[in-house]
All heavy atoms as atom14 arrays in JSON, in Angstrom:
{
  "sequence": "ACISSEDGSTYYADSVKGRFTISEDNGKTTVYLQMNSLKPGDTAVY",
  "atom14_mask": [
    [1, 1, 1, 1, 1, 0, 0, 0, 0, 0, 0, 0, 0, 0],
    [1, 1, 1, 1, 1, 1, 0, 0, 0, 0, 0, 0, 0, 0],
    [1, 1, 1, 1, 1, 1, 1, 1, 0, 0, 0, 0, 0, 0],
    [1, 1, 1, 1, 1, 1, 0, 0, 0, 0, 0, 0, 0, 0],
    [1, 1, 1, 1, 1, 1, 0, 0, 0, 0, 0, 0, 0, 0],
    [1, 1, 1, 1, 1, 1, 1, 1, 1, 0, 0, 0, 0, 0],
    [1, 1, 1, 1, 1, 1, 1, 1, 0, 0, 0, 0, 0, 0],
    [1, 1, 1, 1, 0, 0, 0, 0, 0, 0, 0, 0, 0, 0],
    [1, 1, 1, 1, 1, 1, 0, 0, 0, 0, 0, 0, 0, 0],
    [1, 1, 1, 1, 1, 1, 1, 0, 0, 0, 0, 0, 0, 0],
    [1, 1, 1, 1, 1, 1, 1, 1, 1, 1, 1, 1, 0, 0],
    [1, 1, 1, 1, 1, 1, 1, 1, 1, 1, 1, 1, 0, 0],
    [1, 1, 1, 1, 1, 0, 0, 0, 0, 0, 0, 0, 0, 0],
    [1, 1, 1, 1, 1, 1, 1, 1, 0, 0, 0, 0, 0, 0],
    [1, 1, 1, 1, 1, 1, 0, 0, 0, 0, 0, 0, 0, 0],
    [1, 1, 1, 1, 1, 1, 1, 0, 0, 0, 0, 0, 0, 0],
    [1, 1, 1, 1, 1, 1, 1, 1, 1, 0, 0, 0, 0, 0],
    [1, 1, 1, 1, 0, 0, 0, 0, 0, 0, 0, 0, 0, 0],
    [1, 1, 1, 1, 1, 1, 1, 1, 1, 1, 1, 0, 0, 0],
    [1, 1, 1, 1, 1, 1, 1, 1, 1, 1, 1, 0, 0, 0],
    [1, 1, 1, 1, 1, 1, 1, 0, 0, 0, 0, 0, 0, 0],
    [1, 1, 1, 1, 1, 1, 1, 1, 0, 0, 0, 0, 0, 0],
    [1, 1, 1, 1, 1, 1, 0, 0, 0, 0, 0, 0, 0, 0],
    [1, 1, 1, 1, 1, 1, 1, 1, 1, 0, 0, 0, 0, 0],
    [1, 1, 1, 1, 1, 1, 1, 1, 0, 0, 0, 0, 0, 0],
    [1, 1, 1, 1, 1, 1, 1, 1, 0, 0, 0, 0, 0, 0],
    [1, 1, 1, 1, 0, 0, 0, 0, 0, 0, 0, 0, 0, 0],
    [1, 1, 1, 1, 1, 1, 1, 1, 1, 0, 0, 0, 0, 0],
    [1, 1, 1, 1, 1, 1, 1, 0, 0, 0, 0, 0, 0, 0],
    [1, 1, 1, 1, 1, 1, 1, 0, 0, 0, 0, 0, 0, 0],
    [1, 1, 1, 1, 1, 1, 1, 0, 0, 0, 0, 0, 0, 0],
    [1, 1, 1, 1, 1, 1, 1, 1, 1, 1, 1, 1, 0, 0],
    [1, 1, 1, 1, 1, 1, 1, 1, 0, 0, 0, 0, 0, 0],
    [1, 1, 1, 1, 1, 1, 1, 1, 1, 0, 0, 0, 0, 0],
    [1, 1, 1, 1, 1, 1, 1, 1, 0, 0, 0, 0, 0, 0],
    [1, 1, 1, 1, 1, 1, 1, 1, 0, 0, 0, 0, 0, 0],
    [1, 1, 1, 1, 1, 1, 0, 0, 0, 0, 0, 0, 0, 0],
    [1, 1, 1, 1, 1, 1, 1, 1, 0, 0, 0, 0, 0, 0],
    [1, 1, 1, 1, 1, 1, 1, 1, 1, 0, 0, 0, 0, 0],
    [1, 1, 1, 1, 1, 1, 1, 0, 0, 0, 0, 0, 0, 0],
    [1, 1, 1, 1, 0, 0, 0, 0, 0, 0, 0, 0, 0, 0],
    [1, 1, 1, 1, 1, 1, 1, 1, 0, 0, 0, 0, 0, 0],
    [1, 1, 1, 1, 1, 1, 1, 0, 0, 0, 0, 0, 0, 0],
    [1, 1, 1, 1, 1, 0, 0, 0, 0, 0, 0, 0, 0, 0],
    [1, 1, 1, 1, 1, 1, 1, 0, 0, 0, 0, 0, 0, 0],
    [1, 1, 1, 1, 1, 1, 1, 1, 1, 1, 1, 1, 0, 0]
  ],
  "atom14_positions": [
    [[-14.91, 19.69, 37.29], [-15.31, 21.01, 36.8], [-16.43, 20.86, 35.78], [-16.43, 19.89, 35.03], [-14.12, 21.73, 36.1], [0.0, 0.0, 0.0], [0.0, 0.0, 0.0], [0.0, 0.0, 0.0], [0.0, 0.0, 0.0], [0.0, 0.0, 0.0], [0.0, 0.0, 0.0], [0.0, 0.0, 0.0], [0.0, 0.0, 0.0], [0.0, 0.0, 0.0]],
    [[-17.39, 21.79, 35.8], [-18.53, 21.73, 34.92], [-18.79, 23.13, 34.35], [-18.5, 24.1, 35.0], [-19.75, 21.18, 35.6], [-19.65, 19.44, 36.03], [0.0, 0.0, 0.0], [0.0, 0.0, 0.0], [0.0, 0.0, 0.0], [0.0, 0.0, 0.0], [0.0, 0.0, 0.0], [0.0, 0.0, 0.0], [0.0, 0.0, 0.0], [0.0, 0.0, 0.0]],
    [[-19.4, 23.14, 33.15], [-19.69, 24.39, 32.51], [-21.07, 24.33, 31.86], [-21.46, 23.28, 31.32], [-18.6, 24.76, 31.47], [-18.83, 26.18, 30.91], [-18.54, 23.72, 30.34], [-17.64, 26.68, 30.11], [0.0, 0.0, 0.0], [0.0, 0.0, 0.0], [0.0, 0.0, 0.0], [0.0, 0.0, 0.0], [0.0, 0.0, 0.0], [0.0, 0.0, 0.0]],
    [[-21.79, 25.43, 31.91], [-23.05, 25.54, 31.2], [-22.79, 26.14, 29.83], [-22.23, 27.23, 29.7], [-23.98, 26.49, 32.01], [-25.05, 26.88, 31.15], [0.0, 0.0, 0.0], [0.0, 0.0, 0.0], [0.0, 0.0, 0.0], [0.0, 0.0, 0.0], [0.0, 0.0, 0.0], [0.0, 0.0, 0.0], [0.0, 0.0, 0.0], [0.0, 0.0, 0.0]],
    [[-23.16, 25.39, 28.8], [-22.96, 25.88, 27.46], [-23.89, 27.04, 27.15], [-23.59, 27.85, 26.26], [-23.2, 24.75, 26.45], [-22.85, 25.12, 25.12], [0.0, 0.0, 0.0], [0.0, 0.0, 0.0], [0.0, 0.0, 0.0], [0.0, 0.0, 0.0], [0.0, 0.0, 0.0], [0.0, 0.0, 0.0], [0.0, 0.0, 0.0], [0.0, 0.0, 0.0]],
    [[-24.98, 27.13, 27.87], [-25.96, 28.18, 27.61], [-25.49, 29.53, 28.06], [-25.58, 30.55, 27.37], [-27.29, 27.8, 28.25], [-28.42, 28.81, 27.92], [-29.75, 28.31, 28.37], [-29.81, 27.32, 29.16], [-30.76, 28.92, 28.01], [0.0, 0.0, 0.0], [0.0, 0.0, 0.0], [0.0, 0.0, 0.0], [0.0, 0.0, 0.0], [0.0, 0.0, 0.0]],
    [[-24.95, 29.61, 29.32], [-24.56, 30.93, 29.84], [-23.11, 31.02, 30.29], [-22.67, 32.05, 30.76], [-25.47, 31.34, 30.99], [-25.38, 30.39, 32.21], [-24.44, 29.58, 32.26], [-26.26, 30.45, 33.07], [0.0, 0.0, 0.0], [0.0, 0.0, 0.0], [0.0, 0.0, 0.0], [0.0, 0.0, 0.0], [0.0, 0.0, 0.0], [0.0, 0.0, 0.0]],
    [[-22.34, 29.93, 30.13], [-20.93, 29.96, 30.46], [-20.56, 29.88, 31.93], [-19.45, 29.96, 32.29], [0.0, 0.0, 0.0], [0.0, 0.0, 0.0], [0.0, 0.0, 0.0], [0.0, 0.0, 0.0], [0.0, 0.0, 0.0], [0.0, 0.0, 0.0], [0.0, 0.0, 0.0], [0.0, 0.0, 0.0], [0.0, 0.0, 0.0], [0.0, 0.0, 0.0]],
    [[-21.59, 29.7, 32.77], [-21.3, 29.58, 34.2], [-20.52, 28.28, 34.47], [-20.57, 27.32, 33.73], [-22.6, 29.61, 35.0], [-23.45, 28.56, 34.62], [0.0, 0.0, 0.0], [0.0, 0.0, 0.0], [0.0, 0.0, 0.0], [0.0, 0.0, 0.0], [0.0, 0.0, 0.0], [0.0, 0.0, 0.0], [0.0, 0.0, 0.0], [0.0, 0.0, 0.0]],
    [[-19.72, 28.32, 35.52], [-18.83, 27.22, 35.85], [-18.96, 26.8, 37.28], [-19.44, 27.56, 38.16], [-17.41, 27.56, 35.52], [-17.01, 28.7, 36.28], [-17.15, 27.83, 34.06], [0.0, 0.0, 0.0], [0.0, 0.0, 0.0], [0.0, 0.0, 0.0], [0.0, 0.0, 0.0], [0.0, 0.0, 0.0], [0.0, 0.0, 0.0], [0.0, 0.0, 0.0]],
    [[-18.54, 25.59, 37.54], [-18.47, 25.04, 38.91], [-17.15, 24.28, 39.02], [-16.81, 23.52, 38.06], [-19.65, 24.15, 39.24], [-19.45, 23.37, 40.53], [-19.72, 23.9, 41.75], [-18.92, 22.05, 40.49], [-19.56, 23.22, 42.91], [-18.72, 21.35, 41.65], [-19.02, 21.93, 42.85], [-18.83, 21.26, 44.03], [0.0, 0.0, 0.0], [0.0, 0.0, 0.0]],
    [[-16.49, 24.39, 40.1], [-15.23, 23.66, 40.34], [-15.25, 22.96, 41.71], [-15.75, 23.53, 42.67], [-14.01, 24.61, 40.33], [-13.74, 25.22, 38.97], [-14.25, 26.48, 38.66], [-12.96, 24.55, 38.04], [-14.03, 27.08, 37.42], [-12.73, 25.14, 36.8], [-13.25, 26.39, 36.52], [-13.03, 26.96, 35.27], [0.0, 0.0, 0.0], [0.0, 0.0, 0.0]],
    [[-14.71, 21.78, 41.74], [-14.52, 21.12, 43.02], [-13.45, 21.88, 43.79], [-12.54, 22.48, 43.2], [-14.06, 19.67, 42.77], [0.0, 0.0, 0.0], [0.0, 0.0, 0.0], [0.0, 0.0, 0.0], [0.0, 0.0, 0.0], [0.0, 0.0, 0.0], [0.0, 0.0, 0.0], [0.0, 0.0, 0.0], [0.0, 0.0, 0.0], [0.0, 0.0, 0.0]],
    [[-13.55, 21.87, 45.12], [-12.58, 22.6, 45.94], [-11.18, 22.11, 45.69], [-10.2, 22.89, 45.79], [-12.95, 22.45, 47.42], [-14.17, 23.2, 47.82], [-14.57, 24.11, 47.1], [-14.78, 22.87, 48.89], [0.0, 0.0, 0.0], [0.0, 0.0, 0.0], [0.0, 0.0, 0.0], [0.0, 0.0, 0.0], [0.0, 0.0, 0.0], [0.0, 0.0, 0.0]],
    [[-11.03, 20.82, 45.38], [-9.69, 20.26, 45.24], [-8.94, 20.82, 44.0], [-7.7, 20.66, 43.96], [-9.8, 18.73, 45.1], [-10.64, 18.39, 43.99], [0.0, 0.0, 0.0], [0.0, 0.0, 0.0], [0.0, 0.0, 0.0], [0.0, 0.0, 0.0], [0.0, 0.0, 0.0], [0.0, 0.0, 0.0], [0.0, 0.0, 0.0], [0.0, 0.0, 0.0]],
    [[-9.65, 21.43, 43.06], [-8.98, 21.95, 41.86], [-9.16, 23.41, 41.68], [-8.56, 24.02, 40.72], [-9.45, 21.19, 40.61], [-9.3, 19.68, 40.78], [-10.89, 21.57, 40.26], [0.0, 0.0, 0.0], [0.0, 0.0, 0.0], [0.0, 0.0, 0.0], [0.0, 0.0, 0.0], [0.0, 0.0, 0.0], [0.0, 0.0, 0.0], [0.0, 0.0, 0.0]],
    [[-9.92, 24.09, 42.51], [-10.19, 25.51, 42.37], [-8.88, 26.28, 42.37], [-8.01, 26.08, 43.22], [-11.1, 25.95, 43.52], [-12.09, 27.01, 43.15], [-13.09, 27.24, 44.3], [-14.18, 26.26, 44.3], [-15.22, 26.54, 45.33], [0.0, 0.0, 0.0], [0.0, 0.0, 0.0], [0.0, 0.0, 0.0], [0.0, 0.0, 0.0], [0.0, 0.0, 0.0]],
    [[-8.74, 27.19, 41.41], [-7.56, 28.01, 41.29], [-6.44, 27.35, 40.49], [-5.46, 28.03, 40.1], [0.0, 0.0, 0.0], [0.0, 0.0, 0.0], [0.0, 0.0, 0.0], [0.0, 0.0, 0.0], [0.0, 0.0, 0.0], [0.0, 0.0, 0.0], [0.0, 0.0, 0.0], [0.0, 0.0, 0.0], [0.0, 0.0, 0.0], [0.0, 0.0, 0.0]],
    [[-6.59, 26.07, 40.18], [-5.57, 25.36, 39.4], [-6.12, 24.9, 38.04], [-5.36, 24.89, 37.06], [-5.04, 24.11, 40.15], [-4.41, 24.44, 41.52], [-3.76, 23.2, 42.06], [-4.7, 22.14, 42.38], [-4.63, 20.9, 41.88], [-3.6, 20.61, 41.07], [-5.5, 19.97, 42.22], [0.0, 0.0, 0.0], [0.0, 0.0, 0.0], [0.0, 0.0, 0.0]],
    [[-7.37, 24.51, 37.97], [-7.99, 23.98, 36.73], [-8.93, 25.06, 36.2], [-9.58, 25.79, 36.96], [-8.75, 22.72, 37.01], [-7.92, 21.52, 37.33], [-6.54, 21.61, 37.61], [-8.51, 20.27, 37.36], [-5.79, 20.5, 37.88], [-7.76, 19.11, 37.67], [-6.41, 19.26, 37.93], [0.0, 0.0, 0.0], [0.0, 0.0, 0.0], [0.0, 0.0, 0.0]],
    [[-9.06, 25.1, 34.85], [-9.99, 26.0, 34.19], [-10.75, 25.23, 33.13], [-10.08, 24.62, 32.23], [-9.26, 27.19, 33.58], [-8.53, 27.88, 34.59], [-10.3, 28.17, 32.94], [0.0, 0.0, 0.0], [0.0, 0.0, 0.0], [0.0, 0.0, 0.0], [0.0, 0.0, 0.0], [0.0, 0.0, 0.0], [0.0, 0.0, 0.0], [0.0, 0.0, 0.0]],
    [[-12.04, 25.27, 33.14], [-12.86, 24.67, 32.11], [-13.33, 25.75, 31.15], [-13.65, 26.84, 31.57], [-14.09, 23.88, 32.73], [-14.8, 23.07, 31.64], [-15.03, 24.81, 33.46], [-15.85, 22.09, 32.21], [0.0, 0.0, 0.0], [0.0, 0.0, 0.0], [0.0, 0.0, 0.0], [0.0, 0.0, 0.0], [0.0, 0.0, 0.0], [0.0, 0.0, 0.0]],
    [[-13.32, 25.4, 29.85], [-13.76, 26.39, 28.82], [-14.33, 25.64, 27.67], [-14.21, 24.42, 27.5], [-12.56, 27.27, 28.42], [-11.56, 26.46, 27.77], [0.0, 0.0, 0.0], [0.0, 0.0, 0.0], [0.0, 0.0, 0.0], [0.0, 0.0, 0.0], [0.0, 0.0, 0.0], [0.0, 0.0, 0.0], [0.0, 0.0, 0.0], [0.0, 0.0, 0.0]],
    [[-14.99, 26.41, 26.76], [-15.63, 25.85, 25.62], [-15.28, 26.7, 24.36], [-15.15, 27.92, 24.47], [-17.14, 25.85, 25.82], [-17.94, 25.15, 24.72], [-19.42, 25.09, 25.03], [-19.9, 25.88, 25.9], [-20.11, 24.29, 24.45], [0.0, 0.0, 0.0], [0.0, 0.0, 0.0], [0.0, 0.0, 0.0], [0.0, 0.0, 0.0], [0.0, 0.0, 0.0]],
    [[-15.13, 26.05, 23.23], [-14.84, 26.79, 22.02], [-16.1, 27.47, 21.5], [-17.19, 27.1, 21.84], [-14.23, 25.88, 20.96], [-15.26, 24.93, 20.33], [-16.18, 24.51, 21.04], [-15.11, 24.59, 19.12], [0.0, 0.0, 0.0], [0.0, 0.0, 0.0], [0.0, 0.0, 0.0], [0.0, 0.0, 0.0], [0.0, 0.0, 0.0], [0.0, 0.0, 0.0]],
    [[-15.87, 28.48, 20.63], [-17.01, 29.27, 20.14], [-17.98, 28.43, 19.32], [-19.14, 28.75, 19.21], [-16.51, 30.44, 19.32], [-15.81, 31.49, 20.19], [-16.11, 31.59, 21.38], [-14.92, 32.25, 19.58], [0.0, 0.0, 0.0], [0.0, 0.0, 0.0], [0.0, 0.0, 0.0], [0.0, 0.0, 0.0], [0.0, 0.0, 0.0], [0.0, 0.0, 0.0]],
    [[-17.48, 27.38, 18.69], [-18.34, 26.53, 17.86], [-19.16, 25.55, 18.66], [-20.01, 24.82, 18.1], [0.0, 0.0, 0.0], [0.0, 0.0, 0.0], [0.0, 0.0, 0.0], [0.0, 0.0, 0.0], [0.0, 0.0, 0.0], [0.0, 0.0, 0.0], [0.0, 0.0, 0.0], [0.0, 0.0, 0.0], [0.0, 0.0, 0.0], [0.0, 0.0, 0.0]],
    [[-19.03, 25.56, 19.98], [-19.82, 24.68, 20.85], [-19.63, 23.22, 20.48], [-20.6, 22.41, 20.51], [-21.31, 25.04, 20.77], [-21.64, 26.48, 21.05], [-21.56, 26.81, 22.5], [-22.03, 28.23, 22.75], [-22.01, 28.56, 24.19], [0.0, 0.0, 0.0], [0.0, 0.0, 0.0], [0.0, 0.0, 0.0], [0.0, 0.0, 0.0], [0.0, 0.0, 0.0]],
    [[-18.42, 22.83, 20.11], [-18.16, 21.44, 19.79], [-17.11, 20.8, 20.69], [-16.96, 19.58, 20.73], [-17.71, 21.26, 18.34], [-16.52, 22.0, 18.15], [-18.8, 21.77, 17.35], [0.0, 0.0, 0.0], [0.0, 0.0, 0.0], [0.0, 0.0, 0.0], [0.0, 0.0, 0.0], [0.0, 0.0, 0.0], [0.0, 0.0, 0.0], [0.0, 0.0, 0.0]],
    [[-16.32, 21.63, 21.37], [-15.25, 21.12, 22.18], [-15.17, 21.84, 23.49], [-15.27, 23.05, 23.55], [-13.88, 21.27, 21.43], [-13.96, 20.65, 20.14], [-12.74, 20.62, 22.21], [0.0, 0.0, 0.0], [0.0, 0.0, 0.0], [0.0, 0.0, 0.0], [0.0, 0.0, 0.0], [0.0, 0.0, 0.0], [0.0, 0.0, 0.0], [0.0, 0.0, 0.0]],
    [[-14.93, 21.07, 24.56], [-14.74, 21.64, 25.88], [-13.35, 21.25, 26.33], [-12.87, 20.13, 26.07], [-15.77, 21.08, 26.88], [-15.46, 21.49, 28.31], [-17.17, 21.63, 26.52], [0.0, 0.0, 0.0], [0.0, 0.0, 0.0], [0.0, 0.0, 0.0], [0.0, 0.0, 0.0], [0.0, 0.0, 0.0], [0.0, 0.0, 0.0], [0.0, 0.0, 0.0]],
    [[-12.65, 22.19, 27.0], [-11.29, 22.0, 27.42], [-11.2, 22.01, 28.96], [-12.01, 22.61, 29.63], [-10.41, 23.11, 26.88], [-10.46, 23.24, 25.36], [-11.3, 24.18, 24.75], [-9.72, 22.39, 24.55], [-11.34, 24.32, 23.36], [-9.76, 22.53, 23.17], [-10.6, 23.45, 22.61], [-10.67, 23.58, 21.24], [0.0, 0.0, 0.0], [0.0, 0.0, 0.0]],
    [[-10.15, 21.36, 29.44], [-9.84, 21.45, 30.87], [-8.35, 21.74, 30.93], [-7.49, 20.87, 30.66], [-10.15, 20.14, 31.6], [-9.91, 20.2, 33.12], [-10.92, 21.18, 33.77], [-9.98, 18.83, 33.74], [0.0, 0.0, 0.0], [0.0, 0.0, 0.0], [0.0, 0.0, 0.0], [0.0, 0.0, 0.0], [0.0, 0.0, 0.0], [0.0, 0.0, 0.0]],
    [[-8.0, 22.97, 31.26], [-6.65, 23.39, 31.46], [-6.27, 23.09, 32.89], [-6.89, 23.57, 33.85], [-6.47, 24.88, 31.17], [-5.04, 25.42, 31.41], [-4.03, 24.81, 30.46], [-4.3, 24.7, 29.26], [-2.86, 24.46, 30.93], [0.0, 0.0, 0.0], [0.0, 0.0, 0.0], [0.0, 0.0, 0.0], [0.0, 0.0, 0.0], [0.0, 0.0, 0.0]],
    [[-5.22, 22.26, 33.07], [-4.81, 21.81, 34.38], [-3.39, 22.33, 34.67], [-2.45, 21.96, 33.96], [-4.88, 20.31, 34.5], [-6.22, 19.7, 34.12], [-6.31, 17.93, 34.37], [-5.12, 17.32, 33.21], [0.0, 0.0, 0.0], [0.0, 0.0, 0.0], [0.0, 0.0, 0.0], [0.0, 0.0, 0.0], [0.0, 0.0, 0.0], [0.0, 0.0, 0.0]],
    [[-3.27, 23.2, 35.66], [-1.99, 23.76, 36.04], [-1.59, 23.3, 37.47], [-2.47, 22.84, 38.23], [-2.03, 25.28, 35.98], [-2.29, 25.81, 34.59], [-1.93, 25.18, 33.58], [-3.01, 26.92, 34.53], [0.0, 0.0, 0.0], [0.0, 0.0, 0.0], [0.0, 0.0, 0.0], [0.0, 0.0, 0.0], [0.0, 0.0, 0.0], [0.0, 0.0, 0.0]],
    [[-0.36, 23.44, 37.8], [0.12, 23.09, 39.13], [-0.31, 21.67, 39.56], [-0.83, 21.46, 40.65], [-0.36, 24.12, 40.16], [0.07, 25.43, 39.81], [0.0, 0.0, 0.0], [0.0, 0.0, 0.0], [0.0, 0.0, 0.0], [0.0, 0.0, 0.0], [0.0, 0.0, 0.0], [0.0, 0.0, 0.0], [0.0, 0.0, 0.0], [0.0, 0.0, 0.0]],
    [[-0.11, 20.76, 38.63], [-0.6, 19.39, 38.86], [0.14, 18.75, 40.02], [1.35, 18.95, 40.27], [-0.45, 18.57, 37.61], [-1.52, 18.86, 36.53], [-1.11, 18.38, 35.17], [-2.86, 18.21, 36.95], [0.0, 0.0, 0.0], [0.0, 0.0, 0.0], [0.0, 0.0, 0.0], [0.0, 0.0, 0.0], [0.0, 0.0, 0.0], [0.0, 0.0, 0.0]],
    [[-0.62, 17.92, 40.74], [-0.09, 17.21, 41.91], [-0.24, 15.69, 41.68], [-1.12, 15.29, 40.91], [-0.9, 17.57, 43.15], [-0.99, 19.08, 43.42], [-1.94, 19.35, 44.56], [-2.06, 20.81, 44.83], [-3.03, 21.08, 45.95], [0.0, 0.0, 0.0], [0.0, 0.0, 0.0], [0.0, 0.0, 0.0], [0.0, 0.0, 0.0], [0.0, 0.0, 0.0]],
    [[0.54, 14.87, 42.4], [0.34, 13.41, 42.23], [-1.09, 12.99, 42.56], [-1.59, 12.03, 41.92], [1.33, 12.89, 43.27], [2.41, 13.88, 43.31], [1.73, 15.23, 43.16], [0.0, 0.0, 0.0], [0.0, 0.0, 0.0], [0.0, 0.0, 0.0], [0.0, 0.0, 0.0], [0.0, 0.0, 0.0], [0.0, 0.0, 0.0], [0.0, 0.0, 0.0]],
    [[-1.76, 13.68, 43.41], [-3.14, 13.4, 43.78], [-4.11, 13.62, 42.63], [-5.3, 13.22, 42.71], [0.0, 0.0, 0.0], [0.0, 0.0, 0.0], [0.0, 0.0, 0.0], [0.0, 0.0, 0.0], [0.0, 0.0, 0.0], [0.0, 0.0, 0.0], [0.0, 0.0, 0.0], [0.0, 0.0, 0.0], [0.0, 0.0, 0.0], [0.0, 0.0, 0.0]],
    [[-3.67, 14.3, 41.54], [-4.52, 14.52, 40.41], [-4.52, 13.34, 39.45], [-5.26, 13.31, 38.45], [-4.09, 15.78, 39.64], [-4.29, 17.05, 40.47], [-5.34, 17.19, 41.14], [-3.34, 17.91, 40.43], [0.0, 0.0, 0.0], [0.0, 0.0, 0.0], [0.0, 0.0, 0.0], [0.0, 0.0, 0.0], [0.0, 0.0, 0.0], [0.0, 0.0, 0.0]],
    [[-3.63, 12.38, 39.71], [-3.58, 11.18, 38.85], [-4.88, 10.44, 38.84], [-5.44, 10.07, 39.88], [-2.44, 10.24, 39.33], [-1.19, 10.92, 39.17], [-2.41, 8.98, 38.56], [0.0, 0.0, 0.0], [0.0, 0.0, 0.0], [0.0, 0.0, 0.0], [0.0, 0.0, 0.0], [0.0, 0.0, 0.0], [0.0, 0.0, 0.0], [0.0, 0.0, 0.0]],
    [[-5.42, 10.23, 37.65], [-6.72, 9.58, 37.48], [-7.05, 9.42, 36.01], [-6.36, 9.98, 35.16], [-7.83, 10.36, 38.18], [0.0, 0.0, 0.0], [0.0, 0.0, 0.0], [0.0, 0.0, 0.0], [0.0, 0.0, 0.0], [0.0, 0.0, 0.0], [0.0, 0.0, 0.0], [0.0, 0.0, 0.0], [0.0, 0.0, 0.0], [0.0, 0.0, 0.0]],
    [[-8.09, 8.63, 35.73], [-8.67, 8.69, 34.41], [-9.71, 9.81, 34.38], [-10.56, 9.86, 35.3], [-9.37, 7.32, 34.07], [-10.03, 7.41, 32.69], [-8.32, 6.19, 34.1], [0.0, 0.0, 0.0], [0.0, 0.0, 0.0], [0.0, 0.0, 0.0], [0.0, 0.0, 0.0], [0.0, 0.0, 0.0], [0.0, 0.0, 0.0], [0.0, 0.0, 0.0]],
    [[-9.59, 10.66, 33.43], [-10.47, 11.82, 33.32], [-11.5, 11.59, 32.22], [-11.14, 11.2, 31.1], [-9.65, 13.09, 33.01], [-8.94, 13.63, 34.22], [-7.83, 12.95, 34.76], [-9.35, 14.79, 34.85], [-7.17, 13.43, 35.88], [-8.7, 15.28, 35.97], [-7.61, 14.61, 36.49], [-6.96, 15.1, 37.61], [0.0, 0.0, 0.0], [0.0, 0.0, 0.0]]
  ]
}
């Protein structure tokens, strides 16, 4: 998942669409990845 800090647009891989959400805090210092409905196939170093 990727996000544009300038306009907030996002892109998601098909494998995580609908399950993962990328977001950024208002201070533009931290980006989050909320991962729901996790599957064994999501196991990885992120």
